[in-house]
Amino acid sequence: MGGEEIMIDIRKYYTRFVLIPAAISFVLNILGIIVQYDSTYVGEWFTREGAIGLIVLFASIHAITIAIFSSTIFLNNKKTVIENSLLKFISWFLLPMIWLGPWVTLFVKALIRPTEIQGDSPWFYIPFFLPNLIGLILGYFLFEKEIKTIKNTF
């Protein structure tokens, strides 16, 4: 790439592939806890409303954290980042995967040894990571495709 500047609207990718999956994750978490703790739930320590309130708090923290950690995508506005494949990949995935990695690990652990994680179904963890992971991966590949298209026009 000579001296030409690649102009890509990073906000479009951030909105479509970070914020929307974070909102989907939030909604799935709320729906999941409502289904898990149906109207017949009776707990010794925890009421149904308490469980729903707690998951709303956790889902909110999760969505905000993934949005903040994924803001490193905006580093792709810098020419040095967008021209370096490693930096581009790191700016897209490093911080979000630090947050999502433990959720993936818990999911895999619950699949392999369901009795080790007491009472939790492996499917409980899916809303915490899958929408965000799919969004990040899909967004990255579409971003790369747009970069290649722009480079080919020069």
Protein backbone atom coordinates (compact mmCIF):
# COMPACT_ATOMS: atom_id res chain seq x y z
CA MET A 1 0.00 0.00 0.00
CA GLY A 2 1.79 3.15 -0.99
CA GLY A 3 0.77 6.29 0.82
CA GLU A 4 -2.99 5.86 0.35
CA GLU A 5 -5.19 5.79 3.40
CA ILE A 6 -7.80 3.07 3.89
CA MET A 7 -11.04 4.61 5.13
CA ILE A 8 -13.41 2.14 6.78
CA ASP A 9 -16.26 2.99 9.11
CA ILE A 10 -15.23 0.98 12.18
CA ARG A 11 -18.36 2.13 14.05
CA LYS A 12 -20.47 0.06 11.65
CA TYR A 13 -18.54 -3.09 12.62
CA TYR A 14 -18.58 -2.22 16.32
CA THR A 15 -22.34 -1.69 16.30
CA ARG A 16 -23.24 -4.74 14.21
CA PHE A 17 -20.74 -7.23 15.57
CA VAL A 18 -20.18 -6.11 19.17
CA LEU A 19 -23.12 -4.09 20.47
CA ILE A 20 -25.91 -6.11 18.83
CA PRO A 21 -24.45 -9.48 19.97
CA ALA A 22 -23.98 -8.00 23.47
CA ALA A 23 -27.67 -7.02 23.48
CA ILE A 24 -28.64 -10.50 22.23
CA SER A 25 -26.51 -12.04 24.97
CA PHE A 26 -28.23 -9.83 27.55
CA VAL A 27 -31.71 -10.85 26.38
CA LEU A 28 -30.79 -14.56 26.18
CA ASN A 29 -29.43 -14.46 29.71
CA ILE A 30 -32.62 -12.89 31.03
CA LEU A 31 -34.83 -15.35 29.15
CA GLY A 32 -32.67 -18.27 30.26
CA ILE A 33 -32.94 -17.41 33.94
CA ILE A 34 -36.69 -16.84 33.68
CA VAL A 35 -37.11 -20.27 32.09
CA GLN A 36 -34.71 -21.94 34.53
CA TYR A 37 -36.44 -20.45 37.56
CA ASP A 38 -40.06 -20.90 36.51
CA SER A 39 -42.98 -19.99 38.73
CA THR A 40 -42.70 -23.27 40.66
CA TYR A 41 -39.13 -22.53 41.82
CA VAL A 42 -38.75 -22.57 45.59
CA GLY A 43 -35.29 -22.03 46.99
CA GLU A 44 -34.00 -22.20 50.50
CA TRP A 45 -31.79 -19.13 50.16
CA PHE A 46 -32.71 -17.63 46.86
CA THR A 47 -36.09 -16.46 45.63
CA ARG A 48 -37.04 -16.53 41.95
CA GLU A 49 -37.08 -12.72 41.88
CA GLY A 50 -33.66 -12.61 43.52
CA ALA A 51 -32.24 -14.94 40.88
CA ILE A 52 -33.73 -12.86 38.08
CA GLY A 53 -32.42 -9.63 39.65
CA LEU A 54 -28.96 -11.10 40.02
CA ILE A 55 -28.81 -12.35 36.44
CA VAL A 56 -29.98 -8.93 35.18
CA LEU A 57 -27.05 -7.43 37.08
CA PHE A 58 -24.58 -10.03 35.76
CA ALA A 59 -25.93 -9.77 32.20
CA SER A 60 -25.62 -5.97 32.34
CA ILE A 61 -22.05 -6.15 33.62
CA HIS A 62 -21.24 -8.73 30.95
CA ALA A 63 -22.67 -6.62 28.11
CA ILE A 64 -20.91 -3.47 29.29
CA THR A 65 -17.60 -5.29 29.79
CA ILE A 66 -17.66 -6.90 26.34
CA ALA A 67 -18.52 -3.52 24.80
CA ILE A 68 -15.60 -1.84 26.59
CA PHE A 69 -13.11 -4.65 25.92
CA SER A 70 -14.10 -4.76 22.25
CA SER A 71 -13.52 -1.04 21.81
CA THR A 72 -9.96 -1.93 20.83
CA ILE A 73 -11.47 -2.55 17.39
CA PHE A 74 -11.21 1.21 16.91
CA LEU A 75 -7.41 0.85 16.84
CA ASN A 76 -7.99 -0.26 13.25
CA ASN A 77 -8.43 3.43 12.42
CA LYS A 78 -4.64 3.66 12.75
CA LYS A 79 -2.70 2.94 9.58
CA THR A 80 0.01 1.01 11.45
CA VAL A 81 -2.60 -1.38 12.91
CA ILE A 82 -4.64 -1.94 9.77
CA GLU A 83 -1.52 -2.70 7.71
CA ASN A 84 -0.18 -5.25 10.20
CA SER A 85 -2.15 -8.53 10.20
CA LEU A 86 -1.03 -9.50 13.70
CA LEU A 87 -1.90 -6.12 15.23
CA LYS A 88 -5.23 -6.13 13.42
CA PHE A 89 -6.06 -9.59 14.79
CA ILE A 90 -4.91 -8.67 18.32
CA SER A 91 -6.88 -5.42 18.31
CA TRP A 92 -9.97 -7.35 17.31
CA PHE A 93 -9.75 -10.37 19.64
CA LEU A 94 -7.27 -10.04 22.54
CA LEU A 95 -9.26 -8.18 25.19
CA PRO A 96 -12.67 -9.63 24.28
CA MET A 97 -11.26 -13.16 24.44
CA ILE A 98 -9.72 -12.47 27.85
CA TRP A 99 -13.30 -11.85 29.00
CA LEU A 100 -15.02 -14.56 26.93
CA GLY A 101 -12.36 -17.25 27.43
CA PRO A 102 -13.43 -18.24 30.96
CA TRP A 103 -17.06 -18.62 29.78
CA VAL A 104 -15.94 -20.91 26.97
CA THR A 105 -13.80 -22.85 29.44
CA LEU A 106 -16.70 -23.28 31.86
CA PHE A 107 -18.92 -24.46 29.01
CA VAL A 108 -16.39 -27.04 27.83
CA LYS A 109 -15.71 -28.16 31.40
CA ALA A 110 -19.44 -28.60 32.05
CA LEU A 111 -19.76 -30.62 28.83
CA ILE A 112 -16.86 -32.91 29.68
CA ARG A 113 -17.57 -33.34 33.39
CA PRO A 114 -21.08 -32.13 34.21
CA THR A 115 -20.88 -33.21 37.85
CA GLU A 116 -17.87 -31.00 38.67
CA ILE A 117 -19.84 -27.80 38.22
CA GLN A 118 -22.70 -28.41 40.60
CA GLY A 119 -26.18 -27.87 39.28
CA ASP A 120 -25.16 -25.96 36.15
CA SER A 121 -26.09 -27.19 32.75
CA PRO A 122 -23.42 -26.55 30.11
CA TRP A 123 -26.08 -24.70 28.13
CA PHE A 124 -26.27 -22.07 30.87
CA TYR A 125 -22.98 -20.62 29.61
CA ILE A 126 -23.88 -20.30 25.91
CA PRO A 127 -25.62 -16.90 26.16
CA PHE A 128 -22.56 -15.50 27.89
CA PHE A 129 -20.16 -16.20 25.04
CA LEU A 130 -21.69 -17.54 21.83
CA PRO A 131 -23.42 -14.40 20.44
CA ASN A 132 -20.30 -12.34 21.15
CA LEU A 133 -17.91 -14.93 19.75
CA ILE A 134 -19.93 -15.34 16.56
CA GLY A 135 -20.18 -11.56 16.22
CA LEU A 136 -16.45 -11.01 16.66
CA ILE A 137 -15.46 -13.75 14.22
CA LEU A 138 -18.01 -12.80 11.59
CA GLY A 139 -17.19 -9.11 11.95
CA TYR A 140 -13.47 -9.77 11.62
CA PHE A 141 -13.85 -11.76 8.41
CA LEU A 142 -16.20 -9.19 6.87
CA PHE A 143 -13.79 -6.44 7.91
CA GLU A 144 -10.90 -8.30 6.25
CA LYS A 145 -13.02 -8.77 3.13
CA GLU A 146 -13.76 -5.04 2.97
CA ILE A 147 -10.07 -4.21 3.39
CA LYS A 148 -9.14 -6.55 0.53
CA THR A 149 -11.86 -5.05 -1.67
CA ILE A 150 -10.59 -1.54 -0.98
CA LYS A 151 -6.96 -2.55 -1.60
CA ASN A 152 -7.93 -4.14 -4.93
CA THR A 153 -9.54 -0.89 -6.09
CA PHE A 154 -6.24 0.97 -5.71
